[in-house]
């Protein structure tokens, strides 16, 4: 089964099914042989699950609180092991983007290859086992959920909140351009990406395109976040390097961050041009049309 509702499936059953499937697959993914990829997949499942819980939040606040906290904590427990690879990859992109100055920056990469003694294989094995157990237990609990046939309000109010928050986060990012505001925008965009994927059958030709564009925006904002992490770490731990090199590194990172943010604005301004009330009215119209087609 895919992470989306089906035309012939009641909404409530689709929501229950996706929670059960994603939690179960998270448990399987995190135990995969290739640990870097396994952690990446597991964190992706966590984000999907939290996006579904956010759809349900206005109607089922207790379920949201429990599920969101559970998969937030699972994701955080695994993130440090994945973030090391993401940060190193971001530095490689930074160097590549520096063009003729790439060789100047390359020596700084040693900072990002220092091993964190706290991130042991024993700790990773423990986190994996704990995450798999918690996810399997959650999947068993979700089997018992019953949402009924489900009306638009079962997800519509949650979708409205997500879109509003993402739109407001974009304004905040450009009014107050700091790593934290852009990271918050990224998180809300990721929620919308996953929610559009779940709701895609409402009108696949439109919502699949919208999902892809939100996903592209999330990738741009992800690059922004990773560059910010690289910048902070290198400047904090690069005291043994020449100050001129560090100044050049900071200037080049800022230049590339500016490029990311221009791209994000260009795409975000289009994706969030529609006011929240009009966006949700349009989604409601898609839902009503689907209901009529179902008979």
Protein backbone atom coordinates (compact mmCIF):
# COMPACT_ATOMS: atom_id res chain seq x y z
CA UNK A 1 0.00 0.00 0.00
CA UNK A 2 1.21 3.53 -0.76
CA UNK A 3 1.19 6.53 1.54
CA UNK A 4 -2.06 7.99 0.24
CA UNK A 5 -5.79 7.50 0.51
CA UNK A 6 -7.51 5.39 -2.12
CA UNK A 7 -10.52 6.33 -4.21
CA UNK A 8 -12.46 3.27 -3.00
CA UNK A 9 -11.43 3.65 0.64
CA UNK A 10 -13.27 5.60 3.38
CA UNK A 11 -11.20 8.47 4.71
CA UNK A 12 -11.14 7.16 8.27
CA UNK A 13 -9.89 3.77 7.13
CA UNK A 14 -7.20 5.41 4.98
CA UNK A 15 -5.91 7.39 7.94
CA UNK A 16 -5.84 4.33 10.19
CA UNK A 17 -4.17 2.22 7.50
CA UNK A 18 -1.44 4.79 6.86
CA UNK A 19 -0.64 5.09 10.56
CA UNK A 20 -0.40 1.31 10.93
CA UNK A 21 1.64 0.83 7.75
CA UNK A 22 4.06 3.68 8.32
CA UNK A 23 4.73 2.70 11.94
CA UNK A 24 5.28 -0.93 10.92
CA UNK A 25 7.57 0.00 8.05
CA UNK A 26 9.52 2.35 10.31
CA UNK A 27 10.30 -0.63 12.56
CA UNK A 28 11.45 -2.67 9.56
CA UNK A 29 13.41 0.17 7.96
CA UNK A 30 15.41 1.08 11.04
CA UNK A 31 16.64 -2.50 11.35
CA UNK A 32 17.97 -2.52 7.77
CA UNK A 33 21.48 -3.74 6.98
CA UNK A 34 22.84 -0.45 5.59
CA UNK A 35 22.54 1.71 8.68
CA UNK A 36 22.91 5.12 7.09
CA UNK A 37 20.13 4.43 4.61
CA UNK A 38 18.07 2.65 7.29
CA UNK A 39 18.16 5.71 9.54
CA UNK A 40 17.30 7.99 6.62
CA UNK A 41 14.23 5.90 5.75
CA UNK A 42 13.14 5.66 9.38
CA UNK A 43 13.33 9.42 9.87
CA UNK A 44 11.31 9.89 6.69
CA UNK A 45 8.62 7.61 8.14
CA UNK A 46 8.63 9.67 11.34
CA UNK A 47 7.98 12.83 9.34
CA UNK A 48 5.14 11.21 7.41
CA UNK A 49 3.52 9.98 10.60
CA UNK A 50 3.78 13.36 12.28
CA UNK A 51 2.26 15.01 9.20
CA UNK A 52 -0.76 12.67 9.43
CA UNK A 53 -1.11 13.37 13.13
CA UNK A 54 -1.11 17.09 12.34
CA UNK A 55 -4.02 16.52 9.96
CA UNK A 56 -5.88 14.88 12.85
CA UNK A 57 -4.86 17.39 15.51
CA UNK A 58 -7.98 19.63 15.61
CA UNK A 59 -10.37 16.66 15.82
CA UNK A 60 -8.23 14.24 17.84
CA UNK A 61 -5.89 16.40 19.97
CA UNK A 62 -4.94 13.65 22.43
CA UNK A 63 -4.03 11.25 19.64
CA UNK A 64 -1.95 14.01 18.05
CA UNK A 65 -0.07 14.75 21.26
CA UNK A 66 0.78 11.11 21.87
CA UNK A 67 1.73 10.26 18.30
CA UNK A 68 3.59 13.47 17.54
CA UNK A 69 5.68 13.20 20.70
CA UNK A 70 6.47 9.53 20.09
CA UNK A 71 7.74 9.93 16.54
CA UNK A 72 9.43 13.24 17.29
CA UNK A 73 11.47 11.50 19.98
CA UNK A 74 12.25 8.50 17.77
CA UNK A 75 13.45 10.84 15.02
CA UNK A 76 15.58 12.86 17.42
CA UNK A 77 17.12 9.73 18.87
CA UNK A 78 18.35 8.72 15.42
CA UNK A 79 19.12 12.15 13.98
CA UNK A 80 22.61 12.63 15.39
CA UNK A 81 23.83 9.54 13.55
CA UNK A 82 22.42 10.79 10.24
CA UNK A 83 23.30 14.47 10.69
CA UNK A 84 27.03 13.71 10.57
CA UNK A 85 26.70 12.41 7.01
CA UNK A 86 24.38 15.25 5.99
CA UNK A 87 26.81 17.87 7.29
CA UNK A 88 29.76 16.34 5.46
CA UNK A 89 27.75 16.16 2.24
CA UNK A 90 26.77 19.82 2.66
CA UNK A 91 30.42 20.80 3.01
CA UNK A 92 31.22 18.95 -0.21
CA UNK A 93 28.47 20.91 -2.00
CA UNK A 94 29.82 24.12 -0.51
CA UNK A 95 33.31 23.39 -1.82
CA UNK A 96 31.97 22.44 -5.25
CA UNK A 97 29.93 25.64 -5.35
CA UNK A 98 33.04 27.71 -4.63
CA UNK A 99 34.31 27.05 -8.16
CA UNK A 100 37.94 28.08 -8.60
CA UNK A 101 38.27 28.60 -4.85
CA UNK A 102 37.32 25.02 -3.99
CA UNK A 103 40.91 24.06 -3.17
CA UNK A 104 41.16 26.91 -0.69
CA UNK A 105 38.25 25.58 1.35
CA UNK A 106 38.98 21.86 1.21
CA UNK A 107 41.38 21.76 4.20
CA UNK A 108 38.52 22.85 6.49
CA UNK A 109 36.79 19.54 5.81
CA UNK A 110 38.89 17.87 8.49
CA UNK A 111 36.75 19.64 11.10
CA UNK A 112 33.66 17.80 9.91
CA UNK A 113 35.39 14.42 9.92
CA UNK A 114 36.24 14.48 13.61
CA UNK A 115 34.43 11.62 15.29
CA UNK A 116 32.06 12.37 18.16
CA UNK A 117 33.04 9.93 20.93
CA UNK A 118 29.46 9.96 22.23
CA UNK A 119 28.08 8.46 18.99
CA UNK A 120 29.18 4.89 19.53
CA UNK A 121 28.00 1.83 17.63
CA UNK A 122 26.68 0.46 20.91
CA UNK A 123 24.49 3.53 21.36
CA UNK A 124 23.27 3.29 17.77
CA UNK A 125 22.38 -0.39 18.22
CA UNK A 126 20.47 0.49 21.38
CA UNK A 127 18.60 3.35 19.68
CA UNK A 128 17.68 1.13 16.72
CA UNK A 129 16.29 -1.62 18.95
CA UNK A 130 14.33 0.87 21.04
CA UNK A 131 12.94 2.68 17.98
CA UNK A 132 11.83 -0.57 16.34
CA UNK A 133 10.08 -1.75 19.49
CA UNK A 134 8.27 1.56 20.04
CA UNK A 135 7.16 1.69 16.40
CA UNK A 136 5.83 -1.88 16.44
CA UNK A 137 3.92 -1.24 19.65
CA UNK A 138 2.43 1.90 18.10
CA UNK A 139 1.37 0.00 14.96
CA UNK A 140 -0.47 -2.50 17.16
CA UNK A 141 -2.28 0.31 18.98
CA UNK A 142 -3.25 2.02 15.75
CA UNK A 143 -4.87 -1.17 14.47
CA UNK A 144 -7.62 -0.49 17.02
CA UNK A 145 -8.29 3.10 15.90
CA UNK A 146 -11.68 3.82 14.39
CA UNK A 147 -12.30 7.18 12.73
CA UNK A 148 -15.54 6.26 10.99
CA UNK A 149 -16.27 7.06 7.35
CA UNK A 150 -14.83 10.52 7.81
CA UNK A 151 -15.88 13.93 6.55
CA UNK A 152 -13.73 16.72 5.19
CA UNK A 153 -13.36 18.20 8.68
CA UNK A 154 -11.47 15.07 9.78
CA UNK A 155 -8.43 16.37 7.88
CA UNK A 156 -9.49 19.77 6.52
CA UNK A 157 -9.00 21.76 9.71
CA UNK A 158 -5.57 20.23 10.21
CA UNK A 159 -4.58 20.94 6.61
CA UNK A 160 -5.68 24.55 7.02
CA UNK A 161 -3.53 24.94 10.15
CA UNK A 162 -0.51 23.44 8.37
CA UNK A 163 -0.85 25.72 5.35
CA UNK A 164 -1.36 28.79 7.57
CA UNK A 165 1.72 27.97 9.62
CA UNK A 166 3.85 27.34 6.53
CA UNK A 167 2.71 30.61 4.96
CA UNK A 168 3.38 32.52 8.18
CA UNK A 169 6.77 30.81 8.55
CA UNK A 170 7.75 32.06 5.09
CA UNK A 171 6.94 35.63 6.11
CA UNK A 172 8.89 35.21 9.36
CA UNK A 173 11.91 33.83 7.51
CA UNK A 174 12.18 36.88 5.27
CA UNK A 175 11.23 39.39 7.97
CA UNK A 176 13.77 37.89 10.39
CA UNK A 177 16.34 35.96 8.30
CA UNK A 178 18.02 33.65 10.78
CA UNK A 179 18.81 29.92 10.57
CA UNK A 180 16.02 29.18 13.06
CA UNK A 181 13.30 30.93 11.08
CA UNK A 182 14.29 29.23 7.83
CA UNK A 183 14.47 25.87 9.58
CA UNK A 184 10.97 26.37 10.97
CA UNK A 185 9.70 27.18 7.47
CA UNK A 186 11.36 24.03 6.18
CA UNK A 187 9.61 21.86 8.79
CA UNK A 188 6.20 23.25 7.92
CA UNK A 189 6.87 22.79 4.19
CA UNK A 190 7.81 19.15 4.85
CA UNK A 191 4.46 18.70 6.60
CA UNK A 192 2.64 20.05 3.55
CA UNK A 193 4.67 17.83 1.24
CA UNK A 194 3.63 14.72 3.13
CA UNK A 195 0.03 15.83 3.53
CA UNK A 196 -0.28 16.54 -0.20
CA UNK A 197 1.10 13.08 -0.90
CA UNK A 198 -1.53 11.50 1.35
CA UNK A 199 -4.32 13.57 -0.25
CA UNK A 200 -3.05 13.23 -3.83
CA UNK A 201 -6.05 11.14 -5.07
CA UNK A 202 -8.35 14.13 -4.49
CA UNK A 203 -6.98 15.36 -7.83
CA UNK A 204 -3.72 13.61 -8.80
CA UNK A 205 -2.91 15.89 -11.72
CA UNK A 206 -2.86 18.93 -9.45
CA UNK A 207 -1.80 17.63 -6.05
CA UNK A 208 1.08 15.53 -7.35
CA UNK A 209 2.54 18.63 -9.00
CA UNK A 210 1.96 20.60 -5.80
CA UNK A 211 3.63 17.86 -3.75
CA UNK A 212 6.68 17.89 -6.04
CA UNK A 213 6.99 21.67 -5.79
CA UNK A 214 6.68 21.63 -1.99
CA UNK A 215 9.28 18.85 -1.97
CA UNK A 216 11.62 20.95 -4.12
CA UNK A 217 11.17 23.90 -1.76
CA UNK A 218 11.88 21.63 1.20
CA UNK A 219 15.11 20.49 -0.47
CA UNK A 220 16.24 24.08 -1.00
CA UNK A 221 15.49 24.92 2.63
CA UNK A 222 17.24 21.72 3.67
CA UNK A 223 20.37 22.84 1.83
CA UNK A 224 20.08 26.18 3.62
CA UNK A 225 19.86 24.47 7.00
CA UNK A 226 22.81 22.16 6.29
CA UNK A 227 24.95 25.11 5.18
CA UNK A 228 24.09 26.94 8.39
CA UNK A 229 25.14 23.90 10.44
CA UNK A 230 28.42 23.67 8.51
CA UNK A 231 29.08 27.39 8.98
CA UNK A 232 28.46 27.26 12.71
CA UNK A 233 30.59 24.16 13.28
CA UNK A 234 33.57 25.26 11.20
CA UNK A 235 33.70 28.73 12.75
CA UNK A 236 33.28 27.30 16.26
CA UNK A 237 35.93 24.58 15.91
CA UNK A 238 38.30 26.07 13.33
CA UNK A 239 40.47 28.12 15.66
CA UNK A 240 43.65 26.38 14.50
CA UNK A 241 43.16 27.65 10.94
CA UNK A 242 44.23 31.02 9.54
CA UNK A 243 41.71 33.76 10.29
CA UNK A 244 41.78 34.88 6.66
CA UNK A 245 40.71 31.42 5.53
CA UNK A 246 37.87 31.39 8.04
CA UNK A 247 36.75 34.84 6.88
CA UNK A 248 36.75 33.64 3.28
CA UNK A 249 34.84 30.50 4.29
CA UNK A 250 32.21 32.59 6.08
CA UNK A 251 31.83 34.94 3.11
CA UNK A 252 31.50 32.06 0.63
CA UNK A 253 28.97 30.28 2.85
CA UNK A 254 26.94 33.48 3.16
CA UNK A 255 27.04 33.90 -0.62
CA UNK A 256 25.67 30.41 -1.16
CA UNK A 257 23.07 30.88 1.58
CA UNK A 258 21.88 34.01 -0.19
CA UNK A 259 21.47 31.96 -3.37
CA UNK A 260 19.44 29.32 -1.53
CA UNK A 261 17.18 31.96 -0.05
CA UNK A 262 16.57 33.67 -3.37
CA UNK A 263 15.52 30.32 -4.85
CA UNK A 264 13.33 29.59 -1.84
CA UNK A 265 11.61 32.95 -2.10
CA UNK A 266 10.98 32.58 -5.82
CA UNK A 267 9.31 29.19 -5.35
CA UNK A 268 7.68 29.95 -2.01
CA UNK A 269 6.05 33.15 -3.25
CA UNK A 270 4.28 31.11 -5.93
CA UNK A 271 3.32 28.19 -3.68
CA UNK A 272 1.95 30.45 -0.96
CA UNK A 273 0.40 33.14 -3.15
CA UNK A 274 -3.05 31.83 -2.25
CA UNK A 275 -4.56 32.97 1.05
CA UNK A 276 -5.18 30.19 3.54
CA UNK A 277 -8.98 30.44 3.34
CA UNK A 278 -8.92 30.17 -0.46
CA UNK A 279 -6.50 27.25 -0.37
CA UNK A 280 -8.69 25.22 1.97
CA UNK A 281 -11.83 26.15 0.03
CA UNK A 282 -10.20 24.73 -3.08
CA UNK A 283 -9.24 21.51 -1.26
CA UNK A 284 -12.80 21.23 0.01
CA UNK A 285 -14.11 21.50 -3.55
CA UNK A 286 -11.77 18.68 -4.62
CA UNK A 287 -13.06 16.56 -1.74
CA UNK A 288 -16.71 17.17 -2.57
CA UNK A 289 -16.09 16.25 -6.20
CA UNK A 290 -14.41 13.02 -5.15
CA UNK A 291 -17.33 12.19 -2.87
CA UNK A 292 -19.77 12.74 -5.72
CA UNK A 293 -17.72 10.47 -7.98
CA UNK A 294 -17.80 7.78 -5.32
CA UNK A 295 -21.58 7.94 -5.43
